[in-house]
Amino acid sequence: MKIHPTKTKELLICFAKEPTQVPHITINGSPVDRVHEVKLKGVIINDKLTWNEHIDKLNKKASSKVYFLSQLR
């Protein structure tokens, strides 16, 4: 299996208030993008392993569906 550097993302998980400086990963000379949040199997997690973004997205989706149902009523 080959890893494609432009499709690969790096998520650095750190619980410290001041994150340590970690050098960026390169694959065949191409740098890998470092992200702060990622959607994995439909769940959005961030570098602090919190679910806040995922819950906010679910809340927004549910609110819009409730609004449309109230309009249909």
C-alpha atoms as a PDB file:
ATOM      1  CA  MET A   1       0.000   0.000   0.000  1.00  0.00           C
ATOM      2  CA  LYS A   2       1.365   3.406  -0.953  1.00  0.00           C
ATOM      3  CA  ILE A   3       0.710   6.510   1.103  1.00  0.00           C
ATOM      4  CA  HIS A   4      -0.240   9.509  -1.017  1.00  0.00           C
ATOM      5  CA  PRO A   5       1.279  12.628   0.613  1.00  0.00           C
ATOM      6  CA  THR A   6      -1.323  15.084  -0.721  1.00  0.00           C
ATOM      7  CA  LYS A   7      -4.236  13.008   0.635  1.00  0.00           C
ATOM      8  CA  THR A   8      -2.604  12.278   4.009  1.00  0.00           C
ATOM      9  CA  LYS A   9      -3.258  14.536   7.019  1.00  0.00           C
ATOM     10  CA  GLU A  10      -1.421  14.729  10.336  1.00  0.00           C
ATOM     11  CA  LEU A  11      -3.350  15.247  13.587  1.00  0.00           C
ATOM     12  CA  LEU A  12      -1.058  16.030  16.503  1.00  0.00           C
ATOM     13  CA  ILE A  13      -2.789  15.181  19.799  1.00  0.00           C
ATOM     14  CA  CYS A  14      -1.496  17.154  22.768  1.00  0.00           C
ATOM     15  CA  PHE A  15      -3.104  17.875  26.139  1.00  0.00           C
ATOM     16  CA  ALA A  16      -0.484  20.383  27.355  1.00  0.00           C
ATOM     17  CA  LYS A  17      -1.289  24.070  27.550  1.00  0.00           C
ATOM     18  CA  GLU A  18       1.890  24.840  25.614  1.00  0.00           C
ATOM     19  CA  PRO A  19       2.195  22.194  22.891  1.00  0.00           C
ATOM     20  CA  THR A  20       5.661  20.904  22.149  1.00  0.00           C
ATOM     21  CA  GLN A  21       7.152  21.683  18.775  1.00  0.00           C
ATOM     22  CA  VAL A  22       7.192  18.551  16.626  1.00  0.00           C
ATOM     23  CA  PRO A  23       8.775  18.629  13.173  1.00  0.00           C
ATOM     24  CA  HIS A  24       6.431  18.184  10.225  1.00  0.00           C
ATOM     25  CA  ILE A  25       6.283  14.802   8.511  1.00  0.00           C
ATOM     26  CA  THR A  26       7.459  14.488   4.916  1.00  0.00           C
ATOM     27  CA  ILE A  27       6.756  11.619   2.527  1.00  0.00           C
ATOM     28  CA  ASN A  28       9.099  11.382  -0.456  1.00  0.00           C
ATOM     29  CA  GLY A  29      10.047  15.032   0.045  1.00  0.00           C
ATOM     30  CA  SER A  30       6.421  16.241   0.132  1.00  0.00           C
ATOM     31  CA  PRO A  31       5.217  17.756   3.430  1.00  0.00           C
ATOM     32  CA  VAL A  32       2.102  16.310   5.080  1.00  0.00           C
ATOM     33  CA  ASP A  33      -0.583  18.832   6.079  1.00  0.00           C
ATOM     34  CA  ARG A  34      -1.113  19.264   9.827  1.00  0.00           C
ATOM     35  CA  VAL A  35      -4.776  19.751  10.774  1.00  0.00           C
ATOM     36  CA  HIS A  36      -6.499  20.650  14.062  1.00  0.00           C
ATOM     37  CA  GLU A  37      -9.636  18.576  13.468  1.00  0.00           C
ATOM     38  CA  VAL A  38     -10.539  15.607  11.327  1.00  0.00           C
ATOM     39  CA  LYS A  39     -13.685  13.717  10.399  1.00  0.00           C
ATOM     40  CA  LEU A  40     -13.089  10.009  10.934  1.00  0.00           C
ATOM     41  CA  LYS A  41     -15.899   7.498  10.294  1.00  0.00           C
ATOM     42  CA  GLY A  42     -18.445  10.314  10.559  1.00  0.00           C
ATOM     43  CA  VAL A  43     -17.183  11.638  13.898  1.00  0.00           C
ATOM     44  CA  ILE A  44     -15.392  14.979  14.082  1.00  0.00           C
ATOM     45  CA  ILE A  45     -12.536  15.032  16.608  1.00  0.00           C
ATOM     46  CA  ASN A  46      -9.941  17.705  17.275  1.00  0.00           C
ATOM     47  CA  ASP A  47      -6.378  17.762  18.576  1.00  0.00           C
ATOM     48  CA  LYS A  48      -7.601  17.874  22.200  1.00  0.00           C
ATOM     49  CA  LEU A  49      -9.845  14.800  21.629  1.00  0.00           C
ATOM     50  CA  THR A  50     -13.023  16.742  22.394  1.00  0.00           C
ATOM     51  CA  TRP A  51     -16.351  16.243  20.653  1.00  0.00           C
ATOM     52  CA  ASN A  52     -17.468  19.888  20.691  1.00  0.00           C
ATOM     53  CA  GLU A  53     -17.417  20.389  16.905  1.00  0.00           C
ATOM     54  CA  HIS A  54     -19.233  17.086  16.367  1.00  0.00           C
ATOM     55  CA  ILE A  55     -21.965  17.944  18.883  1.00  0.00           C
ATOM     56  CA  ASP A  56     -22.371  21.441  17.421  1.00  0.00           C
ATOM     57  CA  LYS A  57     -22.793  20.021  13.925  1.00  0.00           C
ATOM     58  CA  LEU A  58     -25.363  17.450  15.122  1.00  0.00           C
ATOM     59  CA  ASN A  59     -27.229  20.160  17.041  1.00  0.00           C
ATOM     60  CA  LYS A  60     -27.353  22.429  13.978  1.00  0.00           C
ATOM     61  CA  LYS A  61     -28.580  19.548  11.788  1.00  0.00           C
ATOM     62  CA  ALA A  62     -31.300  18.570  14.278  1.00  0.00           C
ATOM     63  CA  SER A  63     -32.408  22.186  14.718  1.00  0.00           C
ATOM     64  CA  SER A  64     -32.880  22.661  10.983  1.00  0.00           C
ATOM     65  CA  LYS A  65     -34.955  19.479  10.748  1.00  0.00           C
ATOM     66  CA  VAL A  66     -37.146  20.535  13.676  1.00  0.00           C
ATOM     67  CA  TYR A  67     -37.624  23.936  12.046  1.00  0.00           C
ATOM     68  CA  PHE A  68     -38.750  22.366   8.758  1.00  0.00           C
ATOM     69  CA  LEU A  69     -41.133  20.034  10.620  1.00  0.00           C
ATOM     70  CA  SER A  70     -42.668  22.983  12.471  1.00  0.00           C
ATOM     71  CA  GLN A  71     -43.121  24.805   9.158  1.00  0.00           C
ATOM     72  CA  LEU A  72     -44.878  21.783   7.639  1.00  0.00           C
ATOM     73  CA  ARG A  73     -47.215  21.512  10.617  1.00  0.00           C
END
